[in-house]
Amino acid sequence: MKKKHVYHSKTLDKDGTAHYSHTENETWAFLLKRQKELVKTRASKEYLKGVEILNFEDKIPQHYEITDILKSHTGWGVEPVPALIQPEKFFSLLANKRFPAANFIRIPEEIDYIEEPDVFHELFGHCPLLTNAPYAEFMHQYGKLALKADQKTQMRMFRLFWFTIEFGLIKEDNLIKAYGGGILSSKSEIIYSVESDIPERRPLIPMDALRTKFRIDILQPVYFVIESYDDLFKLIAVDPLKMAQESFFMEDFPAKFEKRKKA
């Protein structure tokens, strides 16, 4: 079996700049061109506005360049991090309006999919909607709430985050569109999530999302749909921290996927 490539974030120079190779910038340019075409008719209008605002070019942007744009719209910024960080660190950054983003990019041999969140997933998938005020404020308040939880509850709260910020769908003009970063940065999931008749698409009921298991390495069998971005901000008012704690006293819904096999 082919050995899995190990990714590491780049060390920044004294000016906070990450230096990318010609191949890495070519990879970004290929992904950007392909994905911009795929999201045209399948992504939320607010996301597409954000893509225009960020004005991505055919080279990997520096995190501070994205930060400068986001700050002028919603006060957010982008924080360089390793590929994966602990929940407490993750939610702490959100609470401080800093979106955690790795600065490595996938190798050409893994162009279509990697499990780790690379710079294309983070910047193209997530950052455009950080120009949208209700979305950005939900992220901010959710991070603050999650910091009040213990680690076990934080992991449970990540389920709701998964089914909204990572793999959420939204209804626009009676059509289903994608707004989750995991969908918007994926060649296959962007088509599958909005067009396939295989997955379930349910209205977002927070407790249902908290009781739904997921896997990171498959096309999602279940998606939750919101009516508007204001629905995200309204989630804070129903206290997702308390609901996450209450969800431990309820059974999870039966998983709609096979258990992942250990390598």
Protein backbone atom coordinates (compact mmCIF):
# COMPACT_ATOMS: atom_id res chain seq x y z
CA MET A 1 0.00 0.00 0.00
CA LYS A 2 1.30 3.44 -0.93
CA LYS A 3 2.57 5.40 2.05
CA LYS A 4 0.41 8.38 2.94
CA HIS A 5 2.04 11.77 2.42
CA VAL A 6 2.65 13.69 5.64
CA TYR A 7 1.84 17.40 5.50
CA HIS A 8 3.45 20.16 7.56
CA SER A 9 2.65 23.86 7.68
CA LYS A 10 5.36 26.17 6.41
CA THR A 11 7.57 28.24 8.67
CA LEU A 12 6.95 31.95 8.21
CA ASP A 13 9.81 34.38 7.63
CA LYS A 14 10.36 37.47 9.77
CA ASP A 15 7.73 39.35 7.75
CA GLY A 16 5.10 36.65 8.32
CA THR A 17 5.36 35.37 4.74
CA ALA A 18 5.17 31.72 3.69
CA HIS A 19 7.27 30.90 0.63
CA TYR A 20 5.66 28.58 -1.90
CA SER A 21 7.28 26.70 -4.75
CA HIS A 22 6.31 26.97 -8.41
CA THR A 23 4.60 23.57 -8.18
CA GLU A 24 2.62 24.62 -5.11
CA ASN A 25 1.38 27.78 -6.80
CA GLU A 26 0.50 25.77 -9.92
CA THR A 27 -1.52 23.39 -7.73
CA TRP A 28 -3.41 26.33 -6.23
CA ALA A 29 -4.08 27.80 -9.70
CA PHE A 30 -5.41 24.46 -10.98
CA LEU A 31 -7.69 23.97 -7.97
CA LEU A 32 -8.91 27.57 -8.12
CA LYS A 33 -9.81 27.43 -11.80
CA ARG A 34 -11.57 24.08 -11.46
CA GLN A 35 -13.50 24.91 -8.33
CA LYS A 36 -14.60 28.40 -9.36
CA GLU A 37 -16.33 26.80 -12.34
CA LEU A 38 -17.98 24.12 -10.18
CA VAL A 39 -19.35 26.53 -7.56
CA LYS A 40 -20.86 29.00 -10.06
CA THR A 41 -24.29 27.36 -10.08
CA ARG A 42 -24.07 25.34 -6.88
CA ALA A 43 -22.84 27.73 -4.18
CA SER A 44 -24.73 30.27 -2.09
CA LYS A 45 -24.93 33.78 -3.53
CA GLU A 46 -23.32 35.23 -0.40
CA TYR A 47 -20.39 32.85 -0.79
CA LEU A 48 -19.92 33.85 -4.42
CA LYS A 49 -19.95 37.52 -3.37
CA GLY A 50 -17.20 36.69 -0.90
CA VAL A 51 -15.11 35.03 -3.61
CA GLU A 52 -15.33 38.25 -5.61
CA ILE A 53 -14.34 40.32 -2.58
CA LEU A 54 -11.29 38.18 -1.81
CA ASN A 55 -10.29 38.28 -5.50
CA PHE A 56 -8.11 35.16 -5.47
CA GLU A 57 -5.26 35.09 -7.98
CA ASP A 58 -3.31 32.21 -9.55
CA LYS A 59 -0.89 31.99 -6.64
CA ILE A 60 -1.42 31.05 -3.01
CA PRO A 61 -2.38 34.18 -1.05
CA GLN A 62 -0.62 35.01 2.18
CA HIS A 63 -2.73 34.76 5.28
CA TYR A 64 -2.14 38.42 6.13
CA GLU A 65 -3.46 39.45 2.70
CA ILE A 66 -6.76 37.70 3.40
CA THR A 67 -6.79 39.15 6.92
CA ASP A 68 -6.51 42.71 5.57
CA ILE A 69 -9.63 42.19 3.44
CA LEU A 70 -11.67 40.38 6.09
CA LYS A 71 -10.89 42.98 8.75
CA SER A 72 -12.41 45.71 6.62
CA HIS A 73 -15.67 43.75 6.31
CA THR A 74 -16.28 41.85 9.55
CA GLY A 75 -13.21 42.37 11.73
CA TRP A 76 -11.97 38.82 11.19
CA GLY A 77 -8.48 37.54 10.41
CA VAL A 78 -6.69 34.33 9.45
CA GLU A 79 -4.28 32.59 11.83
CA PRO A 80 -1.57 30.23 10.46
CA VAL A 81 -1.76 26.86 12.28
CA PRO A 82 -0.59 23.26 11.83
CA ALA A 83 -2.92 20.93 9.91
CA LEU A 84 -4.90 19.90 12.99
CA ILE A 85 -5.25 21.66 16.35
CA GLN A 86 -6.99 20.76 19.60
CA PRO A 87 -10.64 21.81 20.03
CA GLU A 88 -9.83 24.34 22.77
CA LYS A 89 -7.29 26.11 20.54
CA PHE A 90 -9.69 25.97 17.60
CA PHE A 91 -12.59 27.52 19.49
CA SER A 92 -10.31 30.03 21.21
CA LEU A 93 -9.25 31.40 17.84
CA LEU A 94 -12.87 31.65 16.69
CA ALA A 95 -13.76 33.47 19.91
CA ASN A 96 -11.11 36.03 18.99
CA LYS A 97 -12.29 36.36 15.38
CA ARG A 98 -9.30 34.48 14.02
CA PHE A 99 -9.92 31.67 11.57
CA PRO A 100 -7.34 28.87 11.97
CA ALA A 101 -5.82 27.94 8.62
CA ALA A 102 -2.92 25.70 7.67
CA ASN A 103 -0.58 27.09 5.01
CA PHE A 104 0.48 23.90 3.19
CA ILE A 105 -1.15 22.73 -0.03
CA ARG A 106 -1.82 19.18 -1.23
CA ILE A 107 0.67 17.46 -3.51
CA PRO A 108 -0.33 16.91 -7.18
CA GLU A 109 -0.70 13.15 -6.56
CA GLU A 110 -3.50 13.93 -4.07
CA ILE A 111 -5.07 16.77 -6.04
CA ASP A 112 -8.68 15.62 -5.65
CA TYR A 113 -8.80 14.80 -1.94
CA ILE A 114 -6.82 14.85 1.29
CA GLU A 115 -8.17 14.42 4.81
CA GLU A 116 -6.11 17.28 6.21
CA PRO A 117 -7.49 20.82 5.77
CA ASP A 118 -4.98 22.47 3.43
CA VAL A 119 -4.66 26.11 2.45
CA PHE A 120 -7.03 25.73 -0.49
CA HIS A 121 -9.77 24.24 1.69
CA GLU A 122 -9.29 26.91 4.36
CA LEU A 123 -9.01 30.02 2.21
CA PHE A 124 -11.24 29.16 -0.74
CA GLY A 125 -13.71 27.01 1.19
CA HIS A 126 -14.20 29.05 4.35
CA CYS A 127 -12.91 32.59 4.07
CA PRO A 128 -15.30 34.03 1.45
CA LEU A 129 -18.24 33.72 3.86
CA LEU A 130 -16.28 35.44 6.61
CA THR A 131 -17.18 38.61 4.68
CA ASN A 132 -20.84 37.90 5.57
CA ALA A 133 -21.83 39.47 8.90
CA PRO A 134 -24.37 36.88 10.25
CA TYR A 135 -22.09 33.98 9.30
CA ALA A 136 -19.02 35.62 10.81
CA GLU A 137 -20.86 36.56 14.01
CA PHE A 138 -22.15 33.00 14.42
CA MET A 139 -18.57 31.72 14.21
CA HIS A 140 -17.47 34.29 16.79
CA GLN A 141 -20.25 33.58 19.30
CA TYR A 142 -20.03 29.80 18.80
CA GLY A 143 -16.34 29.90 19.62
CA LYS A 144 -17.02 31.89 22.81
CA LEU A 145 -19.72 29.44 23.89
CA ALA A 146 -17.59 26.37 23.20
CA LEU A 147 -14.79 27.73 25.40
CA LYS A 148 -17.13 27.36 28.38
CA ALA A 149 -17.40 23.60 27.74
CA ASP A 150 -15.15 20.73 28.74
CA GLN A 151 -13.32 18.86 25.98
CA LYS A 152 -15.94 16.11 25.68
CA THR A 153 -18.70 18.68 25.18
CA GLN A 154 -16.55 20.67 22.75
CA MET A 155 -16.22 17.55 20.62
CA ARG A 156 -19.99 17.14 20.67
CA MET A 157 -20.45 20.81 19.74
CA PHE A 158 -18.18 20.21 16.77
CA ARG A 159 -20.95 18.03 15.30
CA LEU A 160 -23.16 21.09 14.91
CA PHE A 161 -20.19 22.98 13.48
CA TRP A 162 -19.61 20.12 11.04
CA PHE A 163 -23.17 20.14 9.72
CA THR A 164 -23.22 23.91 9.30
CA ILE A 165 -19.84 25.56 8.72
CA GLU A 166 -18.20 22.51 7.15
CA PHE A 167 -21.03 20.73 5.33
CA GLY A 168 -24.06 23.01 5.47
CA LEU A 169 -26.61 23.63 2.73
CA ILE A 170 -28.89 26.64 2.34
CA LYS A 171 -32.16 27.20 0.47
CA GLU A 172 -32.05 30.11 -1.96
CA ASP A 173 -34.87 30.88 -4.40
CA ASN A 174 -36.28 27.40 -3.68
CA LEU A 175 -33.01 25.80 -4.76
CA ILE A 176 -30.49 23.99 -2.59
CA LYS A 177 -27.07 25.65 -2.54
CA ALA A 178 -23.85 24.90 -0.64
CA TYR A 179 -22.25 27.12 1.98
CA GLY A 180 -20.13 24.65 3.98
CA GLY A 181 -16.39 24.97 3.40
CA GLY A 182 -15.90 21.21 3.11
CA ILE A 183 -18.36 21.14 0.22
CA LEU A 184 -17.20 24.30 -1.52
CA SER A 185 -13.56 23.20 -1.71
CA SER A 186 -14.35 19.66 -2.92
CA LYS A 187 -14.58 18.61 -6.57
CA SER A 188 -16.97 15.73 -5.89
CA GLU A 189 -18.94 16.94 -2.85
CA ILE A 190 -20.05 20.22 -4.44
CA ILE A 191 -21.92 18.27 -7.15
CA TYR A 192 -23.07 15.40 -4.94
CA SER A 193 -24.42 17.55 -2.10
CA VAL A 194 -26.78 19.66 -4.20
CA GLU A 195 -27.61 17.40 -7.16
CA SER A 196 -27.47 13.75 -6.10
CA ASP A 197 -30.63 11.94 -4.98
CA ILE A 198 -28.58 9.66 -2.70
CA PRO A 199 -28.04 11.75 0.48
CA GLU A 200 -30.72 12.92 2.89
CA ARG A 201 -31.29 16.66 3.20
CA ARG A 202 -33.02 17.70 6.41
CA PRO A 203 -34.06 21.08 7.83
CA LEU A 204 -31.52 22.11 10.45
CA ILE A 205 -32.78 21.08 13.88
CA PRO A 206 -29.83 21.67 16.24
CA MET A 207 -30.50 18.69 18.49
CA ASP A 208 -30.76 16.38 15.49
CA ALA A 209 -27.38 17.57 14.23
CA LEU A 210 -25.88 17.05 17.70
CA ARG A 211 -27.10 13.44 17.66
CA THR A 212 -25.80 12.67 14.16
CA LYS A 213 -22.43 10.98 13.70
CA PHE A 214 -20.21 11.75 10.74
CA ARG A 215 -17.11 10.52 8.97
CA ILE A 216 -14.53 12.85 7.47
CA ASP A 217 -13.40 10.56 4.65
CA ILE A 218 -16.65 9.93 2.74
CA LEU A 219 -19.29 11.87 0.86
CA GLN A 220 -21.78 12.85 3.54
CA PRO A 221 -24.94 10.71 3.74
CA VAL A 222 -26.84 13.48 5.59
CA TYR A 223 -26.90 17.25 5.10
CA PHE A 224 -28.78 19.88 7.11
CA VAL A 225 -30.38 22.82 5.33
CA ILE A 226 -30.89 26.37 6.62
CA GLU A 227 -33.25 28.99 5.19
CA SER A 228 -30.90 31.97 5.60
CA TYR A 229 -27.65 32.95 7.31
CA ASP A 230 -29.70 34.58 10.04
CA ASP A 231 -30.68 31.01 10.99
CA LEU A 232 -27.07 30.43 12.01
CA PHE A 233 -26.98 33.44 14.29
CA LYS A 234 -30.33 32.41 15.82
CA LEU A 235 -28.69 29.14 16.91
CA ILE A 236 -26.77 31.05 19.57
CA ALA A 237 -30.05 32.16 21.20
CA VAL A 238 -31.15 28.53 21.74
CA ASP A 239 -27.89 27.80 23.66
CA PRO A 240 -26.06 25.08 21.71
CA LEU A 241 -23.79 24.50 24.72
CA LYS A 242 -26.72 23.46 26.88
CA MET A 243 -28.16 21.38 24.05
CA ALA A 244 -24.83 19.61 23.55
CA GLN A 245 -24.77 18.70 27.24
CA GLU A 246 -28.37 17.46 27.05
CA SER A 247 -27.61 15.40 23.94
CA PHE A 248 -25.42 13.05 25.99
CA PHE A 249 -28.59 11.78 27.66
CA MET A 250 -30.10 10.85 24.29
CA GLU A 251 -29.11 8.11 21.89
CA ASP A 252 -27.34 9.05 18.67
CA PHE A 253 -29.22 8.37 15.48
CA PRO A 254 -28.11 5.16 13.75
CA ALA A 255 -25.09 5.90 11.59
CA LYS A 256 -25.77 5.91 7.84
CA PHE A 257 -22.27 4.70 7.02
CA GLU A 258 -20.02 1.77 7.83
CA LYS A 259 -17.57 2.09 10.66
CA ARG A 260 -14.20 3.25 9.39
CA LYS A 261 -11.64 0.47 9.10
CA LYS A 262 -8.33 0.99 10.84
CA ALA A 263 -5.30 1.19 8.58
